[in-house]
Amino acid sequence: MSSGSQFGDQTQDVLVHEKTYHAFSLLTRWAMLVIGDAVFFFTLWFATPAGFWGGAAFGLVAFIAGYMVLVRHEENQPLDVWVEGR
């Protein structure tokens, strides 16, 4: 894979941009997870016979599943754009 030498002096700017985008992506994924799980929890608590404990149990399961799908995968990605397997 390319070492990035064709970009000359822009390589550091590209890496800074990639790190900023990575942080924004993680923030967006955490926000989606927390807001979606809160809506799910409050819907189960107030709008179904599940009640508080049922909403808490299913909300926890949904949070763990969402974390595995949304957040964990992105956290394991390398920040360096030029790393093999990106």
C-alpha atoms as a PDB file:
ATOM      1  CA  MET A   1       0.000   0.000   0.000  1.00  0.00           C
ATOM      2  CA  SER A   2       1.099   3.593  -0.536  1.00  0.00           C
ATOM      3  CA  SER A   3       3.168   5.324   2.123  1.00  0.00           C
ATOM      4  CA  GLY A   4       1.490   8.645   1.398  1.00  0.00           C
ATOM      5  CA  SER A   5       4.661  10.202  -0.044  1.00  0.00           C
ATOM      6  CA  GLN A   6       2.783  11.424  -3.124  1.00  0.00           C
ATOM      7  CA  PHE A   7       0.960  13.930  -0.897  1.00  0.00           C
ATOM      8  CA  GLY A   8       4.149  15.692   0.174  1.00  0.00           C
ATOM      9  CA  ASP A   9       3.593  18.124   3.047  1.00  0.00           C
ATOM     10  CA  GLN A  10      -0.153  17.419   3.249  1.00  0.00           C
ATOM     11  CA  THR A  11       0.314  14.080   4.996  1.00  0.00           C
ATOM     12  CA  GLN A  12       0.189  15.564   8.506  1.00  0.00           C
ATOM     13  CA  ASP A  13      -2.934  17.574   7.626  1.00  0.00           C
ATOM     14  CA  VAL A  14      -4.603  14.452   6.305  1.00  0.00           C
ATOM     15  CA  LEU A  15      -3.799  12.575   9.528  1.00  0.00           C
ATOM     16  CA  VAL A  16      -5.175  15.411  11.664  1.00  0.00           C
ATOM     17  CA  HIS A  17      -8.330  15.438   9.555  1.00  0.00           C
ATOM     18  CA  GLU A  18      -8.687  11.667   9.905  1.00  0.00           C
ATOM     19  CA  LYS A  19      -8.347  11.878  13.711  1.00  0.00           C
ATOM     20  CA  THR A  20     -10.931  14.665  13.876  1.00  0.00           C
ATOM     21  CA  TYR A  21     -13.339  12.702  11.698  1.00  0.00           C
ATOM     22  CA  HIS A  22     -12.769   9.597  13.819  1.00  0.00           C
ATOM     23  CA  ALA A  23     -13.620  11.544  16.999  1.00  0.00           C
ATOM     24  CA  PHE A  24     -16.735  13.030  15.362  1.00  0.00           C
ATOM     25  CA  SER A  25     -17.819   9.601  14.160  1.00  0.00           C
ATOM     26  CA  LEU A  26     -17.455   8.123  17.651  1.00  0.00           C
ATOM     27  CA  LEU A  27     -19.375  11.019  19.205  1.00  0.00           C
ATOM     28  CA  THR A  28     -22.176  10.563  16.676  1.00  0.00           C
ATOM     29  CA  ARG A  29     -22.340   6.814  17.284  1.00  0.00           C
ATOM     30  CA  TRP A  30     -22.440   7.249  21.089  1.00  0.00           C
ATOM     31  CA  ALA A  31     -25.166   9.897  20.738  1.00  0.00           C
ATOM     32  CA  MET A  32     -27.252   7.622  18.501  1.00  0.00           C
ATOM     33  CA  LEU A  33     -26.841   4.759  20.947  1.00  0.00           C
ATOM     34  CA  VAL A  34     -27.720   6.724  24.091  1.00  0.00           C
ATOM     35  CA  ILE A  35     -30.678   8.596  22.574  1.00  0.00           C
ATOM     36  CA  GLY A  36     -32.102   5.483  20.923  1.00  0.00           C
ATOM     37  CA  ASP A  37     -31.720   3.427  24.068  1.00  0.00           C
ATOM     38  CA  ALA A  38     -33.333   6.153  26.186  1.00  0.00           C
ATOM     39  CA  VAL A  39     -36.342   6.299  23.857  1.00  0.00           C
ATOM     40  CA  PHE A  40     -36.607   2.502  23.956  1.00  0.00           C
ATOM     41  CA  PHE A  41     -36.326   2.402  27.762  1.00  0.00           C
ATOM     42  CA  PHE A  42     -38.915   5.145  28.368  1.00  0.00           C
ATOM     43  CA  THR A  43     -41.309   3.626  25.820  1.00  0.00           C
ATOM     44  CA  LEU A  44     -41.152   0.269  27.594  1.00  0.00           C
ATOM     45  CA  TRP A  45     -41.449   1.907  31.023  1.00  0.00           C
ATOM     46  CA  PHE A  46     -44.412   4.212  30.376  1.00  0.00           C
ATOM     47  CA  ALA A  47     -46.244   2.782  27.351  1.00  0.00           C
ATOM     48  CA  THR A  48     -46.211  -0.970  27.984  1.00  0.00           C
ATOM     49  CA  PRO A  49     -46.977  -3.291  30.879  1.00  0.00           C
ATOM     50  CA  ALA A  50     -43.238  -4.095  31.174  1.00  0.00           C
ATOM     51  CA  GLY A  51     -42.775  -1.323  33.729  1.00  0.00           C
ATOM     52  CA  PHE A  52     -39.505   0.043  35.061  1.00  0.00           C
ATOM     53  CA  TRP A  53     -37.681  -3.256  35.567  1.00  0.00           C
ATOM     54  CA  GLY A  54     -38.748  -4.678  32.209  1.00  0.00           C
ATOM     55  CA  GLY A  55     -37.682  -1.467  30.485  1.00  0.00           C
ATOM     56  CA  ALA A  56     -34.376  -1.480  32.349  1.00  0.00           C
ATOM     57  CA  ALA A  57     -33.655  -5.119  31.476  1.00  0.00           C
ATOM     58  CA  PHE A  58     -34.519  -4.791  27.782  1.00  0.00           C
ATOM     59  CA  GLY A  59     -32.836  -1.379  27.642  1.00  0.00           C
ATOM     60  CA  LEU A  60     -29.612  -2.876  28.987  1.00  0.00           C
ATOM     61  CA  VAL A  61     -29.730  -5.687  26.436  1.00  0.00           C
ATOM     62  CA  ALA A  62     -30.377  -3.161  23.645  1.00  0.00           C
ATOM     63  CA  PHE A  63     -27.536  -0.954  24.889  1.00  0.00           C
ATOM     64  CA  ILE A  64     -25.045  -3.829  24.905  1.00  0.00           C
ATOM     65  CA  ALA A  65     -26.129  -4.969  21.429  1.00  0.00           C
ATOM     66  CA  GLY A  66     -25.924  -1.399  20.122  1.00  0.00           C
ATOM     67  CA  TYR A  67     -22.485  -0.938  21.641  1.00  0.00           C
ATOM     68  CA  MET A  68     -21.208  -4.082  19.950  1.00  0.00           C
ATOM     69  CA  VAL A  69     -22.612  -3.037  16.563  1.00  0.00           C
ATOM     70  CA  LEU A  70     -22.172   0.760  16.575  1.00  0.00           C
ATOM     71  CA  VAL A  71     -19.235   1.677  18.783  1.00  0.00           C
ATOM     72  CA  ARG A  72     -16.900  -1.250  19.286  1.00  0.00           C
ATOM     73  CA  HIS A  73     -16.177  -1.783  15.597  1.00  0.00           C
ATOM     74  CA  GLU A  74     -15.196   1.853  15.023  1.00  0.00           C
ATOM     75  CA  GLU A  75     -13.002   2.073  18.139  1.00  0.00           C
ATOM     76  CA  ASN A  76     -10.802  -0.746  16.810  1.00  0.00           C
ATOM     77  CA  GLN A  77     -10.003   1.047  13.541  1.00  0.00           C
ATOM     78  CA  PRO A  78      -6.445   2.459  13.310  1.00  0.00           C
ATOM     79  CA  LEU A  79      -6.200   6.244  13.134  1.00  0.00           C
ATOM     80  CA  ASP A  80      -3.361   6.251  10.625  1.00  0.00           C
ATOM     81  CA  VAL A  81      -4.800   6.491   7.116  1.00  0.00           C
ATOM     82  CA  TRP A  82      -1.856   4.682   5.543  1.00  0.00           C
ATOM     83  CA  VAL A  83      -2.028   1.534   7.702  1.00  0.00           C
ATOM     84  CA  GLU A  84      -2.622  -1.680   5.792  1.00  0.00           C
ATOM     85  CA  GLY A  85      -6.171  -3.041   6.169  1.00  0.00           C
ATOM     86  CA  ARG A  86      -7.946   0.306   6.542  1.00  0.00           C
END
